[in-house]
Amino acid sequence: MMGTGALLRAAGVGVGDEVVVPAFGNVEVAEAVMTAGALPVFADIDPATYCLEPAAVEAATTPRTAAVVVVHRFGRPADLGSLHALGRRHGLLVLEHRESEAPAAPYEEMAQRRERAAFLDARLRGVHTPEGGTGHTYQQYVVRVPGNGRPDRDAFARAIRAKGVECRVPVKTPVHRLPGFRQCVSLPETERAADETLALPVDASLTKRDMQRIASACNALGGLLQPAL
């Protein structure tokens, strides 16, 4: 299967062209654009899906824009219908980047992840649980820990790890803040998501007792989420 860079080159995208990409997530997407000789231009995300927001893509489009690269995040699909419609209006190629981190899971495994996600949806307090949406496979179960001007997400993560709950920050640094890709661009939803998101385990191997332990560990930390005085 051809990679994103090869697909862009095959479509004639190259030097002098711009390609709209997300900054929330994979640096390899921006790298693929550069291997084609084009310039990555970052657009903001939808706060519910963590995928490119169509209106933000439209705002980032210029006469030099040749393509848009879409990344589906955490098992939640992007709004492809709107993005393809945008592509048709502006004559842009719309490509889907396939994440190497997220191979397709068997149906039974996806069903089990959804079951565990529903368990957490019903029991977690003090964090913002993910919006399910059509087709969400929960490759990662990503909650938001409100900041209130403090690094609450990081403190929250340390506290639940101390209780034996594995968790990870899904995107530590947005691509537009990385050396070699820094751009003076306003991406408020991307910045907010990078500061607030935390992935909790919903692996098919987890037992009901494991899931209860995760919920209890998270719910015991409500004090971290109170507004700063």
Protein backbone atom coordinates (compact mmCIF):
# COMPACT_ATOMS: atom_id res chain seq x y z
CA MET A 1 0.00 0.00 0.00
CA MET A 2 1.36 3.42 -0.97
CA GLY A 3 2.14 5.84 1.83
CA THR A 4 0.75 9.36 2.07
CA GLY A 5 3.85 10.98 0.60
CA ALA A 6 3.84 8.62 -2.39
CA LEU A 7 0.11 9.20 -2.96
CA LEU A 8 0.65 12.96 -2.96
CA ARG A 9 3.50 12.68 -5.44
CA ALA A 10 1.48 10.33 -7.65
CA ALA A 11 -1.30 12.95 -7.72
CA GLY A 12 1.16 15.60 -8.84
CA VAL A 13 1.41 17.43 -5.52
CA GLY A 14 4.88 18.89 -5.04
CA VAL A 15 7.04 21.99 -4.80
CA GLY A 16 5.02 25.19 -4.46
CA ASP A 17 1.91 23.38 -3.26
CA GLU A 18 0.34 23.54 0.21
CA VAL A 19 -1.34 20.59 1.94
CA VAL A 20 -3.69 21.11 4.89
CA VAL A 21 -3.01 18.70 7.77
CA PRO A 22 -3.86 18.43 11.49
CA ALA A 23 -1.31 19.47 14.12
CA PHE A 24 -2.94 17.30 16.78
CA GLY A 25 -1.22 13.97 16.40
CA ASN A 26 1.09 12.41 13.91
CA VAL A 27 4.26 14.23 12.92
CA GLU A 28 4.63 11.68 10.11
CA VAL A 29 1.73 13.31 8.26
CA ALA A 30 3.55 16.63 8.03
CA GLU A 31 6.76 14.74 7.21
CA ALA A 32 5.01 12.91 4.36
CA VAL A 33 3.89 16.23 2.91
CA MET A 34 7.46 17.51 3.03
CA THR A 35 8.81 14.36 1.34
CA ALA A 36 6.50 15.20 -1.55
CA GLY A 37 8.12 18.64 -1.70
CA ALA A 38 4.99 20.47 -0.54
CA LEU A 39 4.39 22.67 2.50
CA PRO A 40 2.22 21.40 5.40
CA VAL A 41 -0.33 23.97 6.57
CA PHE A 42 -1.98 23.25 9.92
CA ALA A 43 -5.72 23.58 10.55
CA ASP A 44 -7.63 23.25 13.81
CA ILE A 45 -9.62 20.24 15.00
CA ASP A 46 -13.20 19.56 16.01
CA PRO A 47 -13.14 19.31 19.84
CA ALA A 48 -15.48 16.30 19.82
CA THR A 49 -13.78 14.15 17.17
CA TYR A 50 -10.18 15.46 17.44
CA CYS A 51 -10.14 15.33 13.62
CA LEU A 52 -9.81 18.21 11.17
CA GLU A 53 -12.70 20.66 11.45
CA PRO A 54 -14.07 21.38 7.96
CA ALA A 55 -14.56 25.11 8.56
CA ALA A 56 -10.98 25.39 9.84
CA VAL A 57 -9.72 23.57 6.73
CA GLU A 58 -11.65 25.99 4.54
CA ALA A 59 -10.13 28.94 6.42
CA ALA A 60 -6.63 27.51 5.88
CA THR A 61 -7.17 27.02 2.14
CA THR A 62 -5.29 29.37 -0.22
CA PRO A 63 -4.78 29.45 -3.99
CA ARG A 64 -1.70 27.26 -3.41
CA THR A 65 -3.59 24.53 -1.56
CA ALA A 66 -3.51 21.27 -3.50
CA ALA A 67 -4.67 18.68 -0.96
CA VAL A 68 -6.00 17.86 2.49
CA VAL A 69 -4.76 14.91 4.53
CA VAL A 70 -7.34 13.57 6.99
CA VAL A 71 -6.45 11.51 10.07
CA HIS A 72 -9.10 9.59 12.01
CA ARG A 73 -8.30 9.94 15.71
CA PHE A 74 -8.64 7.40 18.52
CA GLY A 75 -11.11 5.29 16.51
CA ARG A 76 -13.48 8.20 15.87
CA PRO A 77 -13.87 8.93 12.13
CA ALA A 78 -13.50 12.41 10.71
CA ASP A 79 -16.35 14.21 8.94
CA LEU A 80 -15.36 12.88 5.52
CA GLY A 81 -18.61 13.94 3.86
CA SER A 82 -18.00 17.61 4.61
CA LEU A 83 -14.29 17.39 3.81
CA HIS A 84 -14.89 15.73 0.44
CA ALA A 85 -17.53 18.36 -0.36
CA LEU A 86 -14.98 21.05 0.51
CA GLY A 87 -12.44 19.30 -1.72
CA ARG A 88 -14.88 19.32 -4.64
CA ARG A 89 -15.65 23.03 -4.16
CA HIS A 90 -11.98 23.99 -4.21
CA GLY A 91 -10.61 21.31 -6.51
CA LEU A 92 -8.53 19.69 -3.75
CA LEU A 93 -7.34 16.13 -3.34
CA VAL A 94 -8.62 14.67 -0.03
CA LEU A 95 -6.52 11.78 1.30
CA GLU A 96 -7.01 9.62 4.39
CA HIS A 97 -3.81 8.90 6.29
CA ARG A 98 -3.73 5.40 7.78
CA GLU A 99 -2.27 5.40 11.28
CA SER A 100 0.33 2.72 11.82
CA GLU A 101 -0.58 2.70 15.51
CA ALA A 102 -4.13 1.54 14.86
CA PRO A 103 -4.54 -1.66 12.83
CA ALA A 104 -8.08 -2.81 12.22
CA ALA A 105 -9.38 -4.85 15.14
CA PRO A 106 -11.66 -7.89 14.90
CA TYR A 107 -15.36 -7.15 15.40
CA GLU A 108 -15.45 -8.98 18.75
CA GLU A 109 -12.56 -6.92 20.09
CA MET A 110 -14.21 -3.68 18.97
CA ALA A 111 -17.45 -4.76 20.64
CA GLN A 112 -15.60 -5.42 23.90
CA ARG A 113 -13.86 -2.03 23.77
CA ARG A 114 -17.20 -0.34 23.19
CA GLU A 115 -18.65 -2.22 26.15
CA ARG A 116 -15.82 -1.04 28.41
CA ALA A 117 -16.14 2.50 27.06
CA ALA A 118 -19.86 2.48 27.88
CA PHE A 119 -19.02 1.28 31.41
CA LEU A 120 -16.70 4.27 31.93
CA ASP A 121 -19.15 6.68 30.27
CA ALA A 122 -21.74 5.74 32.87
CA ARG A 123 -19.45 5.89 35.91
CA LEU A 124 -16.77 8.53 35.48
CA ARG A 125 -17.27 11.85 37.27
CA GLY A 126 -15.19 15.01 37.13
CA VAL A 127 -13.74 14.34 33.68
CA HIS A 128 -15.30 14.90 30.28
CA THR A 129 -15.93 11.52 28.67
CA PRO A 130 -15.61 11.17 24.88
CA GLU A 131 -18.55 11.69 22.57
CA GLY A 132 -19.19 8.30 20.99
CA GLY A 133 -20.52 9.20 17.59
CA THR A 134 -21.19 6.91 14.66
CA GLY A 135 -18.52 4.29 14.07
CA HIS A 136 -16.32 5.01 17.12
CA THR A 137 -14.14 1.93 17.72
CA TYR A 138 -12.37 3.28 20.86
CA GLN A 139 -8.85 2.45 19.77
CA GLN A 140 -8.19 4.87 22.60
CA TYR A 141 -10.66 6.03 25.26
CA VAL A 142 -9.76 9.69 25.59
CA VAL A 143 -11.15 11.86 28.38
CA ARG A 144 -10.54 15.52 29.10
CA VAL A 145 -9.31 16.71 32.47
CA PRO A 146 -10.21 20.41 32.79
CA GLY A 147 -7.21 22.65 33.36
CA ASN A 148 -8.53 25.57 35.45
CA GLY A 149 -5.19 27.29 34.88
CA ARG A 150 -3.21 24.44 36.47
CA PRO A 151 -1.61 21.24 35.09
CA ASP A 152 -4.53 19.18 36.38
CA ARG A 153 -4.29 16.58 33.59
CA ASP A 154 -0.69 15.75 34.48
CA ALA A 155 -1.39 15.62 38.22
CA PHE A 156 -4.44 13.47 37.55
CA ALA A 157 -2.36 11.08 35.43
CA ARG A 158 0.33 10.73 38.10
CA ALA A 159 -2.28 10.08 40.76
CA ILE A 160 -4.11 7.30 38.94
CA ARG A 161 -0.84 5.69 37.83
CA ALA A 162 0.08 5.55 41.51
CA LYS A 163 -3.13 3.55 41.99
CA GLY A 164 -2.08 1.07 39.30
CA VAL A 165 -4.12 2.49 36.40
CA GLU A 166 -2.23 2.68 33.12
CA CYS A 167 -2.88 5.87 31.19
CA ARG A 168 -1.12 7.96 28.60
CA VAL A 169 -1.12 11.47 27.22
CA PRO A 170 -2.11 10.84 23.59
CA VAL A 171 -0.52 13.97 22.09
CA LYS A 172 2.20 15.57 24.19
CA THR A 173 3.16 18.32 21.74
CA PRO A 174 1.14 19.45 18.71
CA VAL A 175 3.12 19.30 15.49
CA HIS A 176 3.01 23.07 14.92
CA ARG A 177 5.06 23.47 18.12
CA LEU A 178 7.77 20.97 17.11
CA PRO A 179 11.19 22.08 15.80
CA GLY A 180 11.16 22.15 12.03
CA PHE A 181 7.39 22.62 11.84
CA ARG A 182 6.80 25.70 14.00
CA GLN A 183 4.19 28.02 12.56
CA CYS A 184 2.57 31.15 13.96
CA VAL A 185 -0.97 29.87 13.60
CA SER A 186 -4.00 30.03 15.90
CA LEU A 187 -5.17 26.50 16.77
CA PRO A 188 -7.08 26.95 20.04
CA GLU A 189 -8.87 23.58 20.00
CA THR A 190 -5.63 21.76 19.18
CA GLU A 191 -3.82 23.51 22.04
CA ARG A 192 -6.65 22.83 24.48
CA ALA A 193 -6.83 19.15 23.52
CA ALA A 194 -3.08 18.71 23.91
CA ASP A 195 -3.29 20.19 27.43
CA GLU A 196 -6.39 18.32 28.63
CA THR A 197 -6.60 14.87 27.02
CA LEU A 198 -5.74 11.58 28.70
CA ALA A 199 -6.23 8.06 27.33
CA LEU A 200 -7.62 5.49 29.79
CA PRO A 201 -7.46 1.73 29.17
CA VAL A 202 -10.41 -0.06 27.57
CA ASP A 203 -8.52 -3.13 26.32
CA ALA A 204 -10.58 -6.23 25.65
CA SER A 205 -8.45 -8.11 28.20
CA LEU A 206 -9.68 -5.95 31.11
CA THR A 207 -12.09 -7.60 33.55
CA LYS A 208 -15.10 -5.96 35.16
CA ARG A 209 -13.07 -5.65 38.36
CA ASP A 210 -10.32 -3.87 36.40
CA MET A 211 -12.86 -1.44 34.99
CA GLN A 212 -14.34 -0.78 38.44
CA ARG A 213 -10.82 -0.06 39.73
CA ILE A 214 -10.21 2.45 36.92
CA ALA A 215 -13.49 4.25 37.60
CA SER A 216 -12.88 4.31 41.36
CA ALA A 217 -9.33 5.63 40.99
CA CYS A 218 -10.51 8.44 38.71
CA ASN A 219 -13.55 9.36 40.77
CA ALA A 220 -11.48 9.57 43.97
CA LEU A 221 -9.60 12.56 42.49
CA GLY A 222 -12.43 15.07 42.27
CA GLY A 223 -10.44 17.50 44.42
CA LEU A 224 -7.92 17.97 41.65
CA LEU A 225 -10.64 19.27 39.40
CA GLN A 226 -11.93 22.10 41.59
CA PRO A 227 -11.34 25.62 40.26
CA ALA A 228 -8.14 27.27 41.50
CA LEU A 229 -8.70 29.95 44.15
